[in-house]
Amino acid sequence: MTDQHDTINPQTLAAFADAWNRHDLNALMAFMHKDCLFHAVAGPDLLGRTFTGHTEVSDGFKAAWTSFPDAAWLDGDHFVAGDRGVSESTFKGTNADGSRIEARMVDVFTFKDGKILVKNAFRKNRPSLVGA
């Protein structure tokens, strides 16, 4: 088994965040384990909506840019402890109706075999801002 400290570190999570800001789906999926899960910030279940496996996770990631074409994750701060990690950032994006979201959020990660196995996203439930 791969030693997590040699493969997943804060710089890895920073590179993952950079791929989000570039809207680079191929780069994002290269970080993800083959058995990956993504728990989105919203959805019908306790963990929001869960996407399972590369195809569904890819679709879930794309949905962020469909909902918010100008989506950005800013002011990132990342840490890793063993097979877990956290990225904290400010999410900014504009909805189709012109309202804007700007709220702090975290992603809580679980790692396996040097890849991200689980990405569990949480965002403050702040009211939308009036469009610019």
Protein backbone atom coordinates (compact mmCIF):
# COMPACT_ATOMS: atom_id res chain seq x y z
CA MET A 1 0.00 0.00 0.00
CA THR A 2 1.17 3.54 -0.75
CA ASP A 3 2.38 5.66 2.18
CA GLN A 4 -0.06 8.58 2.35
CA HIS A 5 2.57 11.00 3.64
CA ASP A 6 4.59 10.52 0.45
CA THR A 7 1.65 11.12 -1.90
CA ILE A 8 -1.04 13.28 -0.26
CA ASN A 9 0.03 16.51 1.40
CA PRO A 10 -1.21 20.11 1.60
CA GLN A 11 0.41 20.86 -1.77
CA THR A 12 -1.61 18.02 -3.33
CA LEU A 13 -4.82 19.57 -2.01
CA ALA A 14 -3.71 23.00 -3.24
CA ALA A 15 -3.15 21.53 -6.72
CA PHE A 16 -6.61 19.93 -6.55
CA ALA A 17 -8.09 23.35 -5.65
CA ASP A 18 -6.19 24.94 -8.54
CA ALA A 19 -7.77 22.42 -10.92
CA TRP A 20 -11.22 23.43 -9.59
CA ASN A 21 -10.46 27.08 -10.31
CA ARG A 22 -9.29 26.20 -13.85
CA HIS A 23 -12.50 24.16 -14.31
CA ASP A 24 -10.22 21.31 -15.43
CA LEU A 25 -12.28 18.14 -15.08
CA ASN A 26 -9.56 15.81 -16.39
CA ALA A 27 -7.06 17.13 -13.85
CA LEU A 28 -9.60 16.80 -11.03
CA MET A 29 -10.45 13.22 -11.90
CA ALA A 30 -6.74 12.31 -11.98
CA PHE A 31 -6.69 13.03 -8.22
CA MET A 32 -9.67 10.74 -7.55
CA HIS A 33 -9.50 7.06 -6.54
CA LYS A 34 -11.25 4.59 -8.84
CA ASP A 35 -13.82 3.89 -6.07
CA CYS A 36 -14.38 7.58 -5.28
CA LEU A 37 -17.37 9.23 -3.62
CA PHE A 38 -18.42 12.88 -3.73
CA HIS A 39 -20.91 14.21 -1.18
CA ALA A 40 -22.19 17.53 -2.60
CA VAL A 41 -23.14 20.54 -0.47
CA ALA A 42 -26.85 20.10 -1.26
CA GLY A 43 -29.20 17.24 -1.89
CA PRO A 44 -31.96 15.11 -0.42
CA ASP A 45 -29.87 12.97 1.92
CA LEU A 46 -28.05 13.45 5.21
CA LEU A 47 -24.79 13.92 3.26
CA GLY A 48 -26.36 16.05 0.51
CA ARG A 49 -26.27 14.21 -2.80
CA THR A 50 -23.77 11.39 -3.14
CA PHE A 51 -22.06 10.63 -6.44
CA THR A 52 -20.34 7.22 -6.67
CA GLY A 53 -17.52 6.17 -9.00
CA HIS A 54 -15.60 8.13 -11.62
CA THR A 55 -18.51 8.72 -14.02
CA GLU A 56 -20.96 9.98 -11.40
CA VAL A 57 -18.32 12.01 -9.54
CA SER A 58 -17.28 13.61 -12.82
CA ASP A 59 -20.92 14.52 -13.48
CA GLY A 60 -21.25 15.93 -9.96
CA PHE A 61 -18.13 18.05 -10.38
CA LYS A 62 -19.38 19.37 -13.77
CA ALA A 63 -22.68 20.37 -12.12
CA ALA A 64 -20.83 22.97 -10.02
CA TRP A 65 -19.74 24.79 -13.19
CA THR A 66 -23.15 24.35 -14.82
CA SER A 67 -24.84 25.99 -11.82
CA PHE A 68 -22.10 28.61 -11.38
CA PRO A 69 -20.16 29.19 -14.64
CA ASP A 70 -17.83 31.64 -12.86
CA ALA A 71 -17.32 29.41 -9.81
CA ALA A 72 -14.12 30.06 -7.85
CA TRP A 73 -12.66 28.68 -4.65
CA LEU A 74 -10.42 31.33 -3.11
CA ASP A 75 -8.16 31.83 -0.08
CA GLY A 76 -7.44 28.11 0.25
CA ASP A 77 -5.94 26.64 3.39
CA HIS A 78 -5.14 22.90 3.34
CA PHE A 79 -3.96 20.31 5.84
CA VAL A 80 -3.45 16.55 5.93
CA ALA A 81 -3.37 14.17 8.89
CA GLY A 82 -2.76 10.56 7.90
CA ASP A 83 -5.50 9.35 5.55
CA ARG A 84 -7.67 12.44 6.12
CA GLY A 85 -7.42 16.05 4.98
CA VAL A 86 -9.30 19.34 4.89
CA SER A 87 -9.39 22.27 2.47
CA GLU A 88 -11.00 25.51 3.62
CA SER A 89 -11.84 28.22 1.09
CA THR A 90 -14.25 30.97 0.09
CA PHE A 91 -16.68 29.89 -2.62
CA LYS A 92 -17.82 32.60 -5.03
CA GLY A 93 -20.20 32.12 -7.92
CA THR A 94 -23.08 33.66 -9.85
CA ASN A 95 -26.40 31.82 -10.37
CA ALA A 96 -28.32 31.99 -13.67
CA ASP A 97 -30.71 34.52 -12.07
CA GLY A 98 -27.78 36.86 -11.38
CA SER A 99 -27.70 36.34 -7.62
CA ARG A 100 -24.28 35.66 -6.17
CA ILE A 101 -23.00 33.31 -3.50
CA GLU A 102 -19.97 34.15 -1.40
CA ALA A 103 -19.50 31.87 1.58
CA ARG A 104 -16.79 29.98 3.45
CA MET A 105 -16.67 26.26 2.92
CA VAL A 106 -14.66 23.17 3.67
CA ASP A 107 -13.98 19.92 1.89
CA VAL A 108 -13.23 16.97 4.15
CA PHE A 109 -11.23 14.26 2.38
CA THR A 110 -10.45 10.60 2.93
CA PHE A 111 -7.48 9.20 1.00
CA LYS A 112 -6.69 5.72 -0.24
CA ASP A 113 -3.73 4.47 -2.29
CA GLY A 114 -2.43 8.00 -2.81
CA LYS A 115 -5.73 9.29 -4.25
CA ILE A 116 -8.84 11.05 -2.96
CA LEU A 117 -11.37 8.38 -2.04
CA VAL A 118 -14.03 10.69 -0.53
CA LYS A 119 -14.67 14.41 -1.05
CA ASN A 120 -17.30 15.63 1.41
CA ALA A 121 -18.22 19.29 0.77
CA PHE A 122 -19.76 21.68 3.33
CA ARG A 123 -20.67 25.34 2.72
CA LYS A 124 -22.15 28.02 4.96
CA ASN A 125 -25.84 28.55 4.17
CA ARG A 126 -25.57 32.28 3.58
CA PRO A 127 -28.35 34.13 1.69
CA SER A 128 -27.57 34.96 -1.93
CA LEU A 129 -26.19 38.41 -2.66
CA VAL A 130 -27.89 40.73 -5.15
CA GLY A 131 -26.26 40.50 -8.58
CA ALA A 132 -23.71 43.12 -9.58
